[in-house]
Amino acid sequence: MPAAKTNALRLLDAAGIAYEIREYPFDDDHPTGLHQESLPPELRERMFKTLVTRGEKRGILVFCLPVSEELDMRKCAVAAHDKRVEMVHMKDVLGLTGYIRGGCSPVGMKKKYPVIFDETALLYDSIYVSAGQRGMQMRVETEALIAFVGGVCADVTK
């Protein structure tokens, strides 16, 4: 069990959604989780990162995708029903979400933003996402997580 509960974990607890914590060493040079190459491939495939973008019409949009993949901004715009989507500058992430780079969770942001998961999330009964701080992930049932954050799924990777 983690030393301190994050906002994401407190919200899942309050909603009665089960999760499993996995802590790992991190460093600022590898904030996305890709440095976990020693993990078995079947675990790495279930690890999703959370990226914050800004749509031209819709404002802040959150995307969850496998850590080894990159967003396709054209596909993101289509999925978000927007004309154009671009990444939010790193310096703005904390102020918008309450989370720092490398510890951004789709659960418990400062405001409720639209969350779009890459459709590959549906291949797994559970996925790992950040638990709200660097070095801590949570494994959550995929459908429960998507429903809890009001998310949708779409093809958003290159």
C-alpha atoms as a PDB file:
ATOM      1  CA  MET A   1       0.000   0.000   0.000  1.00  0.00           C
ATOM      2  CA  PRO A   2       1.342   3.455  -0.859  1.00  0.00           C
ATOM      3  CA  ALA A   3       2.617   5.731   1.873  1.00  0.00           C
ATOM      4  CA  ALA A   4       0.003   8.395   1.075  1.00  0.00           C
ATOM      5  CA  LYS A   5      -3.252   8.288  -0.841  1.00  0.00           C
ATOM      6  CA  THR A   6      -3.430  10.469  -3.912  1.00  0.00           C
ATOM      7  CA  ASN A   7      -6.560  12.314  -4.973  1.00  0.00           C
ATOM      8  CA  ALA A   8      -7.099   9.703  -7.700  1.00  0.00           C
ATOM      9  CA  LEU A   9      -7.009   6.861  -5.159  1.00  0.00           C
ATOM     10  CA  ARG A  10      -9.321   8.665  -2.728  1.00  0.00           C
ATOM     11  CA  LEU A  11     -11.877   9.187  -5.509  1.00  0.00           C
ATOM     12  CA  LEU A  12     -11.759   5.536  -6.560  1.00  0.00           C
ATOM     13  CA  ASP A  13     -12.135   4.483  -2.910  1.00  0.00           C
ATOM     14  CA  ALA A  14     -15.178   6.753  -2.507  1.00  0.00           C
ATOM     15  CA  ALA A  15     -16.727   5.281  -5.662  1.00  0.00           C
ATOM     16  CA  GLY A  16     -16.068   1.704  -4.534  1.00  0.00           C
ATOM     17  CA  ILE A  17     -13.852   0.978  -7.536  1.00  0.00           C
ATOM     18  CA  ALA A  18     -11.152  -1.602  -6.880  1.00  0.00           C
ATOM     19  CA  TYR A  19      -7.562  -0.942  -7.884  1.00  0.00           C
ATOM     20  CA  GLU A  20      -4.121  -2.376  -7.351  1.00  0.00           C
ATOM     21  CA  ILE A  21      -1.091  -0.147  -6.750  1.00  0.00           C
ATOM     22  CA  ARG A  22       2.257  -0.711  -8.418  1.00  0.00           C
ATOM     23  CA  GLU A  23       5.150   1.492  -7.356  1.00  0.00           C
ATOM     24  CA  TYR A  24       8.260   1.825  -9.496  1.00  0.00           C
ATOM     25  CA  PRO A  25      11.476   3.820  -9.611  1.00  0.00           C
ATOM     26  CA  PHE A  26      11.344   6.865 -11.886  1.00  0.00           C
ATOM     27  CA  ASP A  27      13.534   9.687 -13.028  1.00  0.00           C
ATOM     28  CA  ASP A  28      12.952  12.981 -14.797  1.00  0.00           C
ATOM     29  CA  ASP A  29      14.600  11.685 -17.983  1.00  0.00           C
ATOM     30  CA  HIS A  30      11.918   8.997 -18.407  1.00  0.00           C
ATOM     31  CA  PRO A  31       8.580  10.396 -17.210  1.00  0.00           C
ATOM     32  CA  THR A  32       6.370   8.337 -19.539  1.00  0.00           C
ATOM     33  CA  GLY A  33       7.058   4.871 -18.167  1.00  0.00           C
ATOM     34  CA  LEU A  34       8.991   3.674 -21.203  1.00  0.00           C
ATOM     35  CA  HIS A  35      12.031   3.065 -19.000  1.00  0.00           C
ATOM     36  CA  GLN A  36      10.240   0.019 -17.581  1.00  0.00           C
ATOM     37  CA  GLU A  37      11.617  -2.193 -20.338  1.00  0.00           C
ATOM     38  CA  SER A  38      12.448  -4.897 -17.811  1.00  0.00           C
ATOM     39  CA  LEU A  39       8.731  -5.568 -17.353  1.00  0.00           C
ATOM     40  CA  PRO A  40       7.132  -8.450 -19.255  1.00  0.00           C
ATOM     41  CA  PRO A  41       5.603  -7.304 -22.582  1.00  0.00           C
ATOM     42  CA  GLU A  42       2.100  -8.309 -21.486  1.00  0.00           C
ATOM     43  CA  LEU A  43       2.358  -5.827 -18.596  1.00  0.00           C
ATOM     44  CA  ARG A  44       3.916  -3.022 -20.660  1.00  0.00           C
ATOM     45  CA  GLU A  45       1.080  -3.309 -23.188  1.00  0.00           C
ATOM     46  CA  ARG A  46      -1.417  -2.504 -20.415  1.00  0.00           C
ATOM     47  CA  MET A  47       0.425   0.636 -19.277  1.00  0.00           C
ATOM     48  CA  PHE A  48      -1.275   3.816 -20.444  1.00  0.00           C
ATOM     49  CA  LYS A  49       0.005   7.376 -20.197  1.00  0.00           C
ATOM     50  CA  THR A  50      -2.206  10.428 -19.779  1.00  0.00           C
ATOM     51  CA  LEU A  51      -1.581  13.411 -22.067  1.00  0.00           C
ATOM     52  CA  VAL A  52      -3.261  16.796 -21.894  1.00  0.00           C
ATOM     53  CA  THR A  53      -4.163  18.679 -25.065  1.00  0.00           C
ATOM     54  CA  ARG A  54      -6.139  21.734 -26.090  1.00  0.00           C
ATOM     55  CA  GLY A  55      -8.782  21.605 -28.785  1.00  0.00           C
ATOM     56  CA  GLU A  56      -9.494  24.657 -30.895  1.00  0.00           C
ATOM     57  CA  LYS A  57     -13.207  24.583 -30.047  1.00  0.00           C
ATOM     58  CA  ARG A  58     -13.538  22.196 -27.087  1.00  0.00           C
ATOM     59  CA  GLY A  59     -10.710  23.419 -24.873  1.00  0.00           C
ATOM     60  CA  ILE A  60      -8.804  20.993 -22.653  1.00  0.00           C
ATOM     61  CA  LEU A  61      -8.948  17.350 -23.715  1.00  0.00           C
ATOM     62  CA  VAL A  62      -7.296  14.380 -22.009  1.00  0.00           C
ATOM     63  CA  PHE A  63      -6.012  11.357 -23.899  1.00  0.00           C
ATOM     64  CA  CYS A  64      -4.940   7.986 -22.457  1.00  0.00           C
ATOM     65  CA  LEU A  65      -2.816   5.822 -24.708  1.00  0.00           C
ATOM     66  CA  PRO A  66      -0.247   3.040 -24.433  1.00  0.00           C
ATOM     67  CA  VAL A  67       3.090   4.346 -23.120  1.00  0.00           C
ATOM     68  CA  SER A  68       4.891   3.101 -26.235  1.00  0.00           C
ATOM     69  CA  GLU A  69       2.609   4.987 -28.637  1.00  0.00           C
ATOM     70  CA  GLU A  70       2.302   8.597 -29.843  1.00  0.00           C
ATOM     71  CA  LEU A  71      -0.810  10.665 -30.390  1.00  0.00           C
ATOM     72  CA  ASP A  72      -1.902  11.326 -33.947  1.00  0.00           C
ATOM     73  CA  MET A  73      -3.229  14.874 -33.634  1.00  0.00           C
ATOM     74  CA  ARG A  74      -5.443  14.550 -36.696  1.00  0.00           C
ATOM     75  CA  LYS A  75      -7.097  11.446 -35.232  1.00  0.00           C
ATOM     76  CA  CYS A  76      -7.400  13.219 -31.876  1.00  0.00           C
ATOM     77  CA  ALA A  77      -9.244  16.121 -33.487  1.00  0.00           C
ATOM     78  CA  VAL A  78     -11.642  13.719 -35.205  1.00  0.00           C
ATOM     79  CA  ALA A  79     -12.228  11.766 -31.973  1.00  0.00           C
ATOM     80  CA  ALA A  80     -12.815  15.006 -30.041  1.00  0.00           C
ATOM     81  CA  HIS A  81     -15.093  16.495 -32.728  1.00  0.00           C
ATOM     82  CA  ASP A  82     -12.791  19.477 -32.998  1.00  0.00           C
ATOM     83  CA  LYS A  83     -10.997  21.203 -35.867  1.00  0.00           C
ATOM     84  CA  ARG A  84      -7.526  21.017 -34.366  1.00  0.00           C
ATOM     85  CA  VAL A  85      -5.856  19.614 -31.245  1.00  0.00           C
ATOM     86  CA  GLU A  86      -2.397  20.432 -29.894  1.00  0.00           C
ATOM     87  CA  MET A  87      -0.396  19.404 -26.851  1.00  0.00           C
ATOM     88  CA  VAL A  88      -0.586  21.650 -23.789  1.00  0.00           C
ATOM     89  CA  HIS A  89       2.805  23.060 -22.812  1.00  0.00           C
ATOM     90  CA  MET A  90       4.402  21.127 -19.921  1.00  0.00           C
ATOM     91  CA  LYS A  91       4.513  24.228 -17.729  1.00  0.00           C
ATOM     92  CA  ASP A  92       0.706  24.472 -17.927  1.00  0.00           C
ATOM     93  CA  VAL A  93      -0.122  20.870 -16.990  1.00  0.00           C
ATOM     94  CA  LEU A  94       0.054  21.323 -13.203  1.00  0.00           C
ATOM     95  CA  GLY A  95      -2.177  24.397 -13.219  1.00  0.00           C
ATOM     96  CA  LEU A  96      -4.782  22.730 -15.424  1.00  0.00           C
ATOM     97  CA  THR A  97      -4.836  19.266 -13.877  1.00  0.00           C
ATOM     98  CA  GLY A  98      -3.301  19.449 -10.419  1.00  0.00           C
ATOM     99  CA  TYR A  99      -0.789  16.815 -11.528  1.00  0.00           C
ATOM    100  CA  ILE A 100       2.859  17.094 -12.553  1.00  0.00           C
ATOM    101  CA  ARG A 101       4.392  15.690 -15.723  1.00  0.00           C
ATOM    102  CA  GLY A 102       4.898  11.956 -15.326  1.00  0.00           C
ATOM    103  CA  GLY A 103       2.224  11.745 -12.627  1.00  0.00           C
ATOM    104  CA  CYS A 104      -0.868  12.845 -14.530  1.00  0.00           C
ATOM    105  CA  SER A 105      -3.880  10.599 -13.923  1.00  0.00           C
ATOM    106  CA  PRO A 106      -7.173  10.614 -15.822  1.00  0.00           C
ATOM    107  CA  VAL A 107      -8.849  10.401 -12.391  1.00  0.00           C
ATOM    108  CA  GLY A 108      -9.141  13.410 -10.098  1.00  0.00           C
ATOM    109  CA  MET A 109      -8.033  16.352 -12.184  1.00  0.00           C
ATOM    110  CA  LYS A 110      -8.878  19.862 -10.967  1.00  0.00           C
ATOM    111  CA  LYS A 111     -11.762  20.015 -13.447  1.00  0.00           C
ATOM    112  CA  LYS A 112     -13.724  17.376 -15.310  1.00  0.00           C
ATOM    113  CA  TYR A 113     -12.273  17.326 -18.809  1.00  0.00           C
ATOM    114  CA  PRO A 114     -13.307  15.075 -21.694  1.00  0.00           C
ATOM    115  CA  VAL A 115     -11.205  11.886 -21.564  1.00  0.00           C
ATOM    116  CA  ILE A 116     -10.546   9.828 -24.670  1.00  0.00           C
ATOM    117  CA  PHE A 117      -8.852   6.438 -24.357  1.00  0.00           C
ATOM    118  CA  ASP A 118      -7.090   4.831 -27.262  1.00  0.00           C
ATOM    119  CA  GLU A 119      -9.310   1.996 -28.428  1.00  0.00           C
ATOM    120  CA  THR A 120      -6.609  -0.560 -27.582  1.00  0.00           C
ATOM    121  CA  ALA A 121      -7.592  -0.153 -23.909  1.00  0.00           C
ATOM    122  CA  LEU A 122     -10.637  -2.289 -24.676  1.00  0.00           C
ATOM    123  CA  LEU A 123      -8.362  -5.237 -25.491  1.00  0.00           C
ATOM    124  CA  TYR A 124      -7.659  -5.661 -21.769  1.00  0.00           C
ATOM    125  CA  ASP A 125      -9.874  -6.348 -18.785  1.00  0.00           C
ATOM    126  CA  SER A 126      -7.691  -3.945 -16.788  1.00  0.00           C
ATOM    127  CA  ILE A 127      -5.065  -1.314 -17.561  1.00  0.00           C
ATOM    128  CA  TYR A 128      -2.447   0.621 -15.615  1.00  0.00           C
ATOM    129  CA  VAL A 129      -2.640   4.411 -15.442  1.00  0.00           C
ATOM    130  CA  SER A 130      -0.904   6.883 -13.195  1.00  0.00           C
ATOM    131  CA  ALA A 131      -2.230   6.918  -9.641  1.00  0.00           C
ATOM    132  CA  GLY A 132      -1.543  10.658  -9.489  1.00  0.00           C
ATOM    133  CA  GLN A 133       2.148  10.856  -8.660  1.00  0.00           C
ATOM    134  CA  ARG A 134       5.401   9.857 -10.259  1.00  0.00           C
ATOM    135  CA  GLY A 135       6.449   6.347  -9.386  1.00  0.00           C
ATOM    136  CA  MET A 136       2.941   5.058  -8.714  1.00  0.00           C
ATOM    137  CA  GLN A 137       0.502   3.393 -11.054  1.00  0.00           C
ATOM    138  CA  MET A 138      -2.867   1.820 -10.445  1.00  0.00           C
ATOM    139  CA  ARG A 139      -4.350  -1.166 -12.209  1.00  0.00           C
ATOM    140  CA  VAL A 140      -8.068  -0.589 -12.685  1.00  0.00           C
ATOM    141  CA  GLU A 141     -10.731  -2.547 -14.522  1.00  0.00           C
ATOM    142  CA  THR A 142     -10.842  -0.900 -17.945  1.00  0.00           C
ATOM    143  CA  GLU A 143     -14.589  -0.504 -18.303  1.00  0.00           C
ATOM    144  CA  ALA A 144     -14.985   0.762 -14.732  1.00  0.00           C
ATOM    145  CA  LEU A 145     -12.248   3.361 -15.262  1.00  0.00           C
ATOM    146  CA  ILE A 146     -13.683   4.587 -18.559  1.00  0.00           C
ATOM    147  CA  ALA A 147     -17.181   4.823 -17.076  1.00  0.00           C
ATOM    148  CA  PHE A 148     -15.937   6.593 -13.918  1.00  0.00           C
ATOM    149  CA  VAL A 149     -14.208   9.380 -15.844  1.00  0.00           C
ATOM    150  CA  GLY A 150     -16.993   9.562 -18.449  1.00  0.00           C
ATOM    151  CA  GLY A 151     -14.517   8.555 -21.113  1.00  0.00           C
ATOM    152  CA  VAL A 152     -14.893   7.303 -24.632  1.00  0.00           C
ATOM    153  CA  CYS A 153     -12.638   5.181 -26.829  1.00  0.00           C
ATOM    154  CA  ALA A 154     -11.269   5.986 -30.276  1.00  0.00           C
ATOM    155  CA  ASP A 155      -8.286   5.341 -32.509  1.00  0.00           C
ATOM    156  CA  VAL A 156      -5.952   8.188 -31.521  1.00  0.00           C
ATOM    157  CA  THR A 157      -2.426   6.811 -32.076  1.00  0.00           C
ATOM    158  CA  LYS A 158      -0.059   6.917 -35.032  1.00  0.00           C
END
